[in-house]
Amino acid sequence: MSSQYKDTFKGTAWYYARFREGYPDAFFELLRSKFCLSENDRVLDLGCGTGQIAIPLAVWVKEVVAMDPEPEMLAEGRERATSKGVNNITWIKSGSEDLPVLREKLGEFKLVTIGTAFHWMDREKTLNELYEIISNDGGITIAWDASIWNNPANEWQATVRLVIRKYLGEERRAGSGTFNVTPMRHEAFVEKSSFRNMETWKQHWNRNSTLDEVIGNLYSTSMANQNVLGSLIKDFEQELKEELMKSRPAGIFESEGDMEAILAWK
């Protein structure tokens, strides 16, 4: 995520706000407890999307600065925050590569959160930049969820992946480009950084989704959204629905996975 951002999540924000799973209450309690968050603290949510972390966390702190390079994401986030009566979030159209030039403007934070976005960043450089804007008693949290592309855990999820590959090719798409990132785990980058006392957290989940929810979630992704599909969208959606209903005639799609997080301190 950077000032060079083009269209990775263009056209996904409406779906992102409605079909992406939020973070569980246990995750926010973890942050509040581990980082001793109070109404005097400021938090930076980098790669904020439509506010899945920023909005719930704002009730605990003085201010959340929510940054994302996609303006559609910020617009959806503002709307969601307003509807919930949350007015202490500052929304900024920028990404991780903009951190050096924004350092003075951003100020200091007790906590920086990155939710399901760290893989889009230059991870080593981003950690170095964030270290400089975190207070001495603060830290960082990096969270992510299972991806259907990497973890087709059952028959219907494998079907989704096969249909995506049929229409969009073997390489995982990222907007008009492709997804290319080193397989090195996030933990390895944090261990190499100046942050200390790293801890990990994991929570297993089970979900039941409707067909519309499965499709809506796909349209929230960089790999199979409506902009990526273009003129193929009608045929793609029809075939995907037909194939999915073969394995789940009742229209309920069960899935399971792990939400994970890294916590580290300055």
C-alpha atoms as a PDB file:
ATOM      1  CA  MET A   1       0.000   0.000   0.000  1.00  0.00           C
ATOM      2  CA  SER A   2       1.605   3.200  -1.094  1.00  0.00           C
ATOM      3  CA  SER A   3       1.355   6.464  -2.962  1.00  0.00           C
ATOM      4  CA  GLN A   4       1.832   4.256  -6.042  1.00  0.00           C
ATOM      5  CA  TYR A   5      -1.407   2.406  -5.319  1.00  0.00           C
ATOM      6  CA  LYS A   6      -3.517   1.915  -8.446  1.00  0.00           C
ATOM      7  CA  ASP A   7      -6.576  -0.317  -8.419  1.00  0.00           C
ATOM      8  CA  THR A   8      -5.996  -3.339  -6.190  1.00  0.00           C
ATOM      9  CA  PHE A   9      -9.250  -2.788  -4.302  1.00  0.00           C
ATOM     10  CA  LYS A  10     -11.043  -0.478  -6.700  1.00  0.00           C
ATOM     11  CA  GLY A  11     -14.768  -1.186  -6.686  1.00  0.00           C
ATOM     12  CA  THR A  12     -14.677  -3.459  -3.620  1.00  0.00           C
ATOM     13  CA  ALA A  13     -15.516  -1.067  -0.779  1.00  0.00           C
ATOM     14  CA  TRP A  14     -19.304  -1.544  -0.782  1.00  0.00           C
ATOM     15  CA  TYR A  15     -18.842  -5.307  -0.570  1.00  0.00           C
ATOM     16  CA  TYR A  16     -15.939  -5.000   1.864  1.00  0.00           C
ATOM     17  CA  ALA A  17     -18.077  -3.088   4.362  1.00  0.00           C
ATOM     18  CA  ARG A  18     -20.942  -5.588   4.183  1.00  0.00           C
ATOM     19  CA  PHE A  19     -19.402  -9.004   3.562  1.00  0.00           C
ATOM     20  CA  ARG A  20     -16.013  -9.016   5.285  1.00  0.00           C
ATOM     21  CA  GLU A  21     -16.081 -10.599   8.711  1.00  0.00           C
ATOM     22  CA  GLY A  22     -15.331  -8.186  11.525  1.00  0.00           C
ATOM     23  CA  TYR A  23     -12.929  -8.823  14.365  1.00  0.00           C
ATOM     24  CA  PRO A  24     -14.257 -10.582  17.494  1.00  0.00           C
ATOM     25  CA  ASP A  25     -14.744  -8.791  20.795  1.00  0.00           C
ATOM     26  CA  ALA A  26     -11.920 -10.890  22.231  1.00  0.00           C
ATOM     27  CA  PHE A  27      -9.488  -9.247  19.802  1.00  0.00           C
ATOM     28  CA  PHE A  28     -10.353  -5.728  20.965  1.00  0.00           C
ATOM     29  CA  GLU A  29     -10.260  -6.765  24.620  1.00  0.00           C
ATOM     30  CA  LEU A  30      -6.805  -8.194  23.926  1.00  0.00           C
ATOM     31  CA  LEU A  31      -5.577  -4.882  22.516  1.00  0.00           C
ATOM     32  CA  ARG A  32      -7.087  -2.836  25.319  1.00  0.00           C
ATOM     33  CA  SER A  33      -5.550  -5.074  27.964  1.00  0.00           C
ATOM     34  CA  LYS A  34      -2.124  -5.750  26.462  1.00  0.00           C
ATOM     35  CA  PHE A  35      -1.456  -2.139  25.478  1.00  0.00           C
ATOM     36  CA  CYS A  36      -3.264  -0.543  28.434  1.00  0.00           C
ATOM     37  CA  LEU A  37      -5.315   1.652  26.117  1.00  0.00           C
ATOM     38  CA  SER A  38      -7.139   4.608  27.636  1.00  0.00           C
ATOM     39  CA  GLU A  39      -9.141   7.656  26.594  1.00  0.00           C
ATOM     40  CA  ASN A  40      -5.865   9.601  26.437  1.00  0.00           C
ATOM     41  CA  ASP A  41      -4.279   7.440  23.727  1.00  0.00           C
ATOM     42  CA  ARG A  42      -4.050   7.731  19.951  1.00  0.00           C
ATOM     43  CA  VAL A  43      -4.086   4.762  17.564  1.00  0.00           C
ATOM     44  CA  LEU A  44      -3.055   4.504  13.914  1.00  0.00           C
ATOM     45  CA  ASP A  45      -4.936   1.923  11.832  1.00  0.00           C
ATOM     46  CA  LEU A  46      -2.807   1.437   8.727  1.00  0.00           C
ATOM     47  CA  GLY A  47      -4.541  -0.079   5.703  1.00  0.00           C
ATOM     48  CA  CYS A  48      -7.838   0.509   7.490  1.00  0.00           C
ATOM     49  CA  GLY A  49     -10.210  -0.628   4.745  1.00  0.00           C
ATOM     50  CA  THR A  50     -13.747   0.333   5.737  1.00  0.00           C
ATOM     51  CA  GLY A  51     -12.942   0.583   9.438  1.00  0.00           C
ATOM     52  CA  GLN A  52     -13.262  -2.978  10.730  1.00  0.00           C
ATOM     53  CA  ILE A  53     -10.651  -2.212  13.391  1.00  0.00           C
ATOM     54  CA  ALA A  54     -10.779   1.586  13.550  1.00  0.00           C
ATOM     55  CA  ILE A  55     -14.482   1.943  14.375  1.00  0.00           C
ATOM     56  CA  PRO A  56     -14.755  -0.582  17.250  1.00  0.00           C
ATOM     57  CA  LEU A  57     -11.420   0.535  18.707  1.00  0.00           C
ATOM     58  CA  ALA A  58     -12.358   4.231  18.664  1.00  0.00           C
ATOM     59  CA  VAL A  59     -14.660   3.835  21.682  1.00  0.00           C
ATOM     60  CA  TRP A  60     -11.661   3.047  23.891  1.00  0.00           C
ATOM     61  CA  VAL A  61      -9.256   5.846  22.884  1.00  0.00           C
ATOM     62  CA  LYS A  62      -8.957   9.585  22.296  1.00  0.00           C
ATOM     63  CA  GLU A  63      -8.420   9.347  18.522  1.00  0.00           C
ATOM     64  CA  VAL A  64      -7.944   6.805  15.763  1.00  0.00           C
ATOM     65  CA  VAL A  65      -6.176   7.852  12.576  1.00  0.00           C
ATOM     66  CA  ALA A  66      -7.408   5.551   9.798  1.00  0.00           C
ATOM     67  CA  MET A  67      -5.201   5.408   6.686  1.00  0.00           C
ATOM     68  CA  ASP A  68      -5.889   3.703   3.370  1.00  0.00           C
ATOM     69  CA  PRO A  69      -4.857   4.510  -0.231  1.00  0.00           C
ATOM     70  CA  GLU A  70      -8.290   3.603  -1.660  1.00  0.00           C
ATOM     71  CA  PRO A  71     -10.723   6.565  -1.410  1.00  0.00           C
ATOM     72  CA  GLU A  72     -13.765   4.326  -1.792  1.00  0.00           C
ATOM     73  CA  MET A  73     -12.742   2.452   1.348  1.00  0.00           C
ATOM     74  CA  LEU A  74     -12.446   5.700   3.296  1.00  0.00           C
ATOM     75  CA  ALA A  75     -15.840   6.898   2.097  1.00  0.00           C
ATOM     76  CA  GLU A  76     -17.504   3.671   3.258  1.00  0.00           C
ATOM     77  CA  GLY A  77     -15.619   3.868   6.547  1.00  0.00           C
ATOM     78  CA  ARG A  78     -16.755   7.431   7.217  1.00  0.00           C
ATOM     79  CA  GLU A  79     -20.347   6.472   6.476  1.00  0.00           C
ATOM     80  CA  ARG A  80     -20.202   3.460   8.806  1.00  0.00           C
ATOM     81  CA  ALA A  81     -18.595   5.507  11.583  1.00  0.00           C
ATOM     82  CA  THR A  82     -21.246   8.224  11.268  1.00  0.00           C
ATOM     83  CA  SER A  83     -24.054   5.681  11.391  1.00  0.00           C
ATOM     84  CA  LYS A  84     -22.617   4.329  14.648  1.00  0.00           C
ATOM     85  CA  GLY A  85     -22.124   7.761  16.186  1.00  0.00           C
ATOM     86  CA  VAL A  86     -18.327   7.468  16.167  1.00  0.00           C
ATOM     87  CA  ASN A  87     -16.732  10.884  15.587  1.00  0.00           C
ATOM     88  CA  ASN A  88     -13.144  10.548  16.814  1.00  0.00           C
ATOM     89  CA  ILE A  89     -11.645   8.969  13.684  1.00  0.00           C
ATOM     90  CA  THR A  90      -9.490  10.958  11.260  1.00  0.00           C
ATOM     91  CA  TRP A  91      -9.545   9.410   7.772  1.00  0.00           C
ATOM     92  CA  ILE A  92      -6.438   9.908   5.604  1.00  0.00           C
ATOM     93  CA  LYS A  93      -5.942   8.797   1.999  1.00  0.00           C
ATOM     94  CA  SER A  94      -2.394   7.413   2.167  1.00  0.00           C
ATOM     95  CA  GLY A  95      -0.524   4.150   2.436  1.00  0.00           C
ATOM     96  CA  SER A  96       2.539   2.696   4.119  1.00  0.00           C
ATOM     97  CA  GLU A  97       4.958   4.184   1.584  1.00  0.00           C
ATOM     98  CA  ASP A  98       3.765   7.660   2.590  1.00  0.00           C
ATOM     99  CA  LEU A  99       4.785   7.264   6.226  1.00  0.00           C
ATOM    100  CA  PRO A 100       8.144   9.117   5.918  1.00  0.00           C
ATOM    101  CA  VAL A 101       6.565  12.292   4.519  1.00  0.00           C
ATOM    102  CA  LEU A 102       3.598  12.113   6.903  1.00  0.00           C
ATOM    103  CA  ARG A 103       5.588  11.521  10.085  1.00  0.00           C
ATOM    104  CA  GLU A 104       5.341  15.087  11.399  1.00  0.00           C
ATOM    105  CA  LYS A 105       1.667  15.406  10.481  1.00  0.00           C
ATOM    106  CA  LEU A 106       0.707  12.092  12.042  1.00  0.00           C
ATOM    107  CA  GLY A 107       2.371  12.625  15.409  1.00  0.00           C
ATOM    108  CA  GLU A 108       2.880   9.890  17.989  1.00  0.00           C
ATOM    109  CA  PHE A 109       0.726   6.837  18.691  1.00  0.00           C
ATOM    110  CA  LYS A 110       0.334   4.405  21.572  1.00  0.00           C
ATOM    111  CA  LEU A 111      -0.623   1.627  19.173  1.00  0.00           C
ATOM    112  CA  VAL A 112      -0.485   0.908  15.443  1.00  0.00           C
ATOM    113  CA  THR A 113      -2.827  -1.731  14.051  1.00  0.00           C
ATOM    114  CA  ILE A 114      -2.618  -3.414  10.647  1.00  0.00           C
ATOM    115  CA  GLY A 115      -5.471  -5.754   9.805  1.00  0.00           C
ATOM    116  CA  THR A 116      -5.233  -8.120   6.815  1.00  0.00           C
ATOM    117  CA  ALA A 117      -3.087  -5.579   4.964  1.00  0.00           C
ATOM    118  CA  PHE A 118       0.526  -6.159   6.001  1.00  0.00           C
ATOM    119  CA  HIS A 119       1.154  -8.509   3.055  1.00  0.00           C
ATOM    120  CA  TRP A 120       0.566  -5.581   0.661  1.00  0.00           C
ATOM    121  CA  MET A 121       3.346  -3.535   2.240  1.00  0.00           C
ATOM    122  CA  ASP A 122       7.119  -3.468   2.189  1.00  0.00           C
ATOM    123  CA  ARG A 123       7.067  -5.181   5.553  1.00  0.00           C
ATOM    124  CA  GLU A 124      10.620  -4.472   6.718  1.00  0.00           C
ATOM    125  CA  LYS A 125      10.502  -0.805   5.720  1.00  0.00           C
ATOM    126  CA  THR A 126       7.028  -0.316   7.178  1.00  0.00           C
ATOM    127  CA  LEU A 127       8.062  -1.701  10.569  1.00  0.00           C
ATOM    128  CA  ASN A 128      11.096   0.597  10.631  1.00  0.00           C
ATOM    129  CA  GLU A 129       8.960   3.646   9.851  1.00  0.00           C
ATOM    130  CA  LEU A 130       6.277   2.750  12.384  1.00  0.00           C
ATOM    131  CA  TYR A 131       8.840   2.251  15.135  1.00  0.00           C
ATOM    132  CA  GLU A 132       9.661   5.959  14.923  1.00  0.00           C
ATOM    133  CA  ILE A 133       6.087   7.156  15.517  1.00  0.00           C
ATOM    134  CA  ILE A 134       5.147   4.844  18.383  1.00  0.00           C
ATOM    135  CA  SER A 135       5.517   6.030  21.968  1.00  0.00           C
ATOM    136  CA  ASN A 136       8.056   4.310  24.202  1.00  0.00           C
ATOM    137  CA  ASP A 137       5.287   2.507  26.075  1.00  0.00           C
ATOM    138  CA  GLY A 138       3.430   1.510  22.902  1.00  0.00           C
ATOM    139  CA  GLY A 139       3.513  -1.148  20.254  1.00  0.00           C
ATOM    140  CA  ILE A 140       2.077  -2.711  17.150  1.00  0.00           C
ATOM    141  CA  THR A 141      -0.540  -5.320  16.272  1.00  0.00           C
ATOM    142  CA  ILE A 142      -0.700  -7.140  12.932  1.00  0.00           C
ATOM    143  CA  ALA A 143      -3.801  -9.271  12.353  1.00  0.00           C
ATOM    144  CA  TRP A 144      -5.006 -11.483   9.514  1.00  0.00           C
ATOM    145  CA  ASP A 145      -7.559 -14.116   8.626  1.00  0.00           C
ATOM    146  CA  ALA A 146      -7.531 -17.289   6.530  1.00  0.00           C
ATOM    147  CA  SER A 147      -7.715 -16.803   2.741  1.00  0.00           C
ATOM    148  CA  ILE A 148      -9.829 -18.989   0.494  1.00  0.00           C
ATOM    149  CA  TRP A 149      -7.052 -18.817  -2.113  1.00  0.00           C
ATOM    150  CA  ASN A 150      -4.449 -20.391   0.158  1.00  0.00           C
ATOM    151  CA  ASN A 151      -6.689 -22.532   2.327  1.00  0.00           C
ATOM    152  CA  PRO A 152      -9.501 -24.241   0.402  1.00  0.00           C
ATOM    153  CA  ALA A 153     -10.459 -26.370   3.398  1.00  0.00           C
ATOM    154  CA  ASN A 154     -13.471 -28.174   1.962  1.00  0.00           C
ATOM    155  CA  GLU A 155     -15.204 -29.090  -1.271  1.00  0.00           C
ATOM    156  CA  TRP A 156     -17.132 -25.889  -1.884  1.00  0.00           C
ATOM    157  CA  GLN A 157     -14.122 -23.674  -1.151  1.00  0.00           C
ATOM    158  CA  ALA A 158     -12.030 -25.709  -3.579  1.00  0.00           C
ATOM    159  CA  THR A 159     -14.797 -25.202  -6.160  1.00  0.00           C
ATOM    160  CA  VAL A 160     -14.610 -21.438  -5.706  1.00  0.00           C
ATOM    161  CA  ARG A 161     -10.890 -21.492  -6.336  1.00  0.00           C
ATOM    162  CA  LEU A 162     -11.270 -23.666  -9.445  1.00  0.00           C
ATOM    163  CA  VAL A 163     -13.877 -21.344 -10.975  1.00  0.00           C
ATOM    164  CA  ILE A 164     -11.737 -18.278 -10.238  1.00  0.00           C
ATOM    165  CA  ARG A 165      -8.776 -19.915 -11.965  1.00  0.00           C
ATOM    166  CA  LYS A 166     -10.906 -20.901 -14.954  1.00  0.00           C
ATOM    167  CA  TYR A 167     -11.962 -17.301 -15.574  1.00  0.00           C
ATOM    168  CA  LEU A 168      -8.929 -15.363 -14.338  1.00  0.00           C
ATOM    169  CA  GLY A 169      -5.951 -17.688 -14.735  1.00  0.00           C
ATOM    170  CA  GLU A 170      -3.647 -19.623 -12.449  1.00  0.00           C
ATOM    171  CA  GLU A 171      -1.958 -16.587 -10.903  1.00  0.00           C
ATOM    172  CA  ARG A 172      -3.773 -14.881  -8.073  1.00  0.00           C
ATOM    173  CA  ARG A 173      -4.961 -11.494  -9.256  1.00  0.00           C
ATOM    174  CA  ALA A 174      -4.557  -8.177  -7.442  1.00  0.00           C
ATOM    175  CA  GLY A 175      -6.679  -5.702  -9.333  1.00  0.00           C
ATOM    176  CA  SER A 176      -5.176  -5.274 -12.794  1.00  0.00           C
ATOM    177  CA  GLY A 177      -1.942  -6.872 -11.582  1.00  0.00           C
ATOM    178  CA  THR A 178      -1.011 -10.099  -9.824  1.00  0.00           C
ATOM    179  CA  PHE A 179      -0.284 -10.939  -6.208  1.00  0.00           C
ATOM    180  CA  ASN A 180       3.427 -11.421  -5.615  1.00  0.00           C
ATOM    181  CA  VAL A 181       4.831 -11.502  -2.103  1.00  0.00           C
ATOM    182  CA  THR A 182       7.576 -13.411  -0.346  1.00  0.00           C
ATOM    183  CA  PRO A 183       6.163 -16.389   1.582  1.00  0.00           C
ATOM    184  CA  MET A 184       8.149 -15.320   4.638  1.00  0.00           C
ATOM    185  CA  ARG A 185       5.752 -15.127   7.566  1.00  0.00           C
ATOM    186  CA  HIS A 186       4.900 -11.851   9.277  1.00  0.00           C
ATOM    187  CA  GLU A 187       6.477 -13.109  12.507  1.00  0.00           C
ATOM    188  CA  ALA A 188       9.882 -13.322  10.848  1.00  0.00           C
ATOM    189  CA  PHE A 189       9.764  -9.660   9.849  1.00  0.00           C
ATOM    190  CA  VAL A 190       8.730  -8.580  13.342  1.00  0.00           C
ATOM    191  CA  GLU A 191      11.498 -10.675  14.909  1.00  0.00           C
ATOM    192  CA  LYS A 192      14.076  -8.936  12.677  1.00  0.00           C
ATOM    193  CA  SER A 193      12.738  -5.479  13.558  1.00  0.00           C
ATOM    194  CA  SER A 194      13.450  -3.236  16.546  1.00  0.00           C
ATOM    195  CA  PHE A 195      10.193  -4.253  18.205  1.00  0.00           C
ATOM    196  CA  ARG A 196      10.509  -6.581  21.182  1.00  0.00           C
ATOM    197  CA  ASN A 197       8.593  -9.086  23.308  1.00  0.00           C
ATOM    198  CA  MET A 198       6.554 -10.435  20.435  1.00  0.00           C
ATOM    199  CA  GLU A 199       3.429 -12.404  21.309  1.00  0.00           C
ATOM    200  CA  THR A 200       1.014 -14.253  19.048  1.00  0.00           C
ATOM    201  CA  TRP A 201      -2.746 -14.731  19.360  1.00  0.00           C
ATOM    202  CA  LYS A 202      -5.076 -17.073  17.529  1.00  0.00           C
ATOM    203  CA  GLN A 203      -8.819 -17.678  17.586  1.00  0.00           C
ATOM    204  CA  HIS A 204     -10.500 -20.459  15.653  1.00  0.00           C
ATOM    205  CA  TRP A 205     -13.814 -19.715  13.975  1.00  0.00           C
ATOM    206  CA  ASN A 206     -16.668 -21.577  12.307  1.00  0.00           C
ATOM    207  CA  ARG A 207     -19.063 -19.800   9.944  1.00  0.00           C
ATOM    208  CA  ASN A 208     -22.166 -20.576   7.954  1.00  0.00           C
ATOM    209  CA  SER A 209     -22.652 -18.353   4.906  1.00  0.00           C
ATOM    210  CA  THR A 210     -25.440 -17.999   2.378  1.00  0.00           C
ATOM    211  CA  LEU A 211     -24.741 -18.082  -1.344  1.00  0.00           C
ATOM    212  CA  ASP A 212     -25.125 -14.296  -1.555  1.00  0.00           C
ATOM    213  CA  GLU A 213     -22.643 -13.888   1.301  1.00  0.00           C
ATOM    214  CA  VAL A 214     -20.087 -16.116  -0.437  1.00  0.00           C
ATOM    215  CA  ILE A 215     -20.399 -14.084  -3.647  1.00  0.00           C
ATOM    216  CA  GLY A 216     -20.371 -10.766  -1.788  1.00  0.00           C
ATOM    217  CA  ASN A 217     -17.212 -11.728   0.056  1.00  0.00           C
ATOM    218  CA  LEU A 218     -15.498 -12.645  -3.224  1.00  0.00           C
ATOM    219  CA  TYR A 219     -16.412  -9.255  -4.654  1.00  0.00           C
ATOM    220  CA  SER A 220     -14.683  -7.656  -1.667  1.00  0.00           C
ATOM    221  CA  THR A 221     -11.354  -9.220  -2.628  1.00  0.00           C
ATOM    222  CA  SER A 222      -8.545  -8.041  -4.862  1.00  0.00           C
ATOM    223  CA  MET A 223      -8.483 -11.384  -6.695  1.00  0.00           C
ATOM    224  CA  ALA A 224     -12.087 -11.780  -7.890  1.00  0.00           C
ATOM    225  CA  ASN A 225     -13.894  -8.462  -7.672  1.00  0.00           C
ATOM    226  CA  GLN A 226     -16.192  -7.022 -10.320  1.00  0.00           C
ATOM    227  CA  ASN A 227     -13.510  -4.764 -11.801  1.00  0.00           C
ATOM    228  CA  VAL A 228     -11.160  -7.708 -12.237  1.00  0.00           C
ATOM    229  CA  LEU A 229     -13.866  -9.851 -13.829  1.00  0.00           C
ATOM    230  CA  GLY A 230     -15.098  -7.116 -16.161  1.00  0.00           C
ATOM    231  CA  SER A 231     -17.193  -8.533 -18.998  1.00  0.00           C
ATOM    232  CA  LEU A 232     -16.800 -12.035 -17.522  1.00  0.00           C
ATOM    233  CA  ILE A 233     -18.782 -11.248 -14.410  1.00  0.00           C
ATOM    234  CA  LYS A 234     -22.201 -12.515 -15.534  1.00  0.00           C
ATOM    235  CA  ASP A 235     -20.882 -15.882 -16.749  1.00  0.00           C
ATOM    236  CA  PHE A 236     -18.559 -16.204 -13.748  1.00  0.00           C
ATOM    237  CA  GLU A 237     -21.308 -15.601 -11.213  1.00  0.00           C
ATOM    238  CA  GLN A 238     -23.774 -17.906 -12.945  1.00  0.00           C
ATOM    239  CA  GLU A 239     -21.300 -20.780 -13.190  1.00  0.00           C
ATOM    240  CA  LEU A 240     -20.052 -20.305  -9.657  1.00  0.00           C
ATOM    241  CA  LYS A 241     -23.585 -20.366  -8.252  1.00  0.00           C
ATOM    242  CA  GLU A 242     -24.468 -23.478 -10.240  1.00  0.00           C
ATOM    243  CA  GLU A 243     -21.347 -25.329  -9.142  1.00  0.00           C
ATOM    244  CA  LEU A 244     -21.715 -24.336  -5.513  1.00  0.00           C
ATOM    245  CA  MET A 245     -25.342 -25.405  -5.318  1.00  0.00           C
ATOM    246  CA  LYS A 246     -24.383 -28.863  -6.584  1.00  0.00           C
ATOM    247  CA  SER A 247     -22.392 -29.483  -3.425  1.00  0.00           C
ATOM    248  CA  ARG A 248     -24.650 -27.524  -1.062  1.00  0.00           C
ATOM    249  CA  PRO A 249     -28.287 -27.724  -2.297  1.00  0.00           C
ATOM    250  CA  ALA A 250     -29.532 -26.149   0.933  1.00  0.00           C
ATOM    251  CA  GLY A 251     -27.546 -23.015   0.156  1.00  0.00           C
ATOM    252  CA  ILE A 252     -25.585 -22.986   3.423  1.00  0.00           C
ATOM    253  CA  PHE A 253     -21.802 -22.974   3.148  1.00  0.00           C
ATOM    254  CA  GLU A 254     -19.851 -23.891   6.239  1.00  0.00           C
ATOM    255  CA  SER A 255     -16.236 -22.886   6.714  1.00  0.00           C
ATOM    256  CA  GLU A 256     -13.626 -22.714   9.426  1.00  0.00           C
ATOM    257  CA  GLY A 257     -10.255 -21.132   9.941  1.00  0.00           C
ATOM    258  CA  ASP A 258      -8.076 -19.113  12.275  1.00  0.00           C
ATOM    259  CA  MET A 259      -7.856 -15.405  12.898  1.00  0.00           C
ATOM    260  CA  GLU A 260      -4.316 -14.625  13.984  1.00  0.00           C
ATOM    261  CA  ALA A 261      -2.445 -11.645  15.348  1.00  0.00           C
ATOM    262  CA  ILE A 262       1.049 -10.559  16.341  1.00  0.00           C
ATOM    263  CA  LEU A 263       1.599  -8.134  19.195  1.00  0.00           C
ATOM    264  CA  ALA A 264       4.967  -6.460  19.796  1.00  0.00           C
ATOM    265  CA  TRP A 265       6.265  -3.585  21.861  1.00  0.00           C
ATOM    266  CA  LYS A 266       8.749  -0.764  21.388  1.00  0.00           C
END
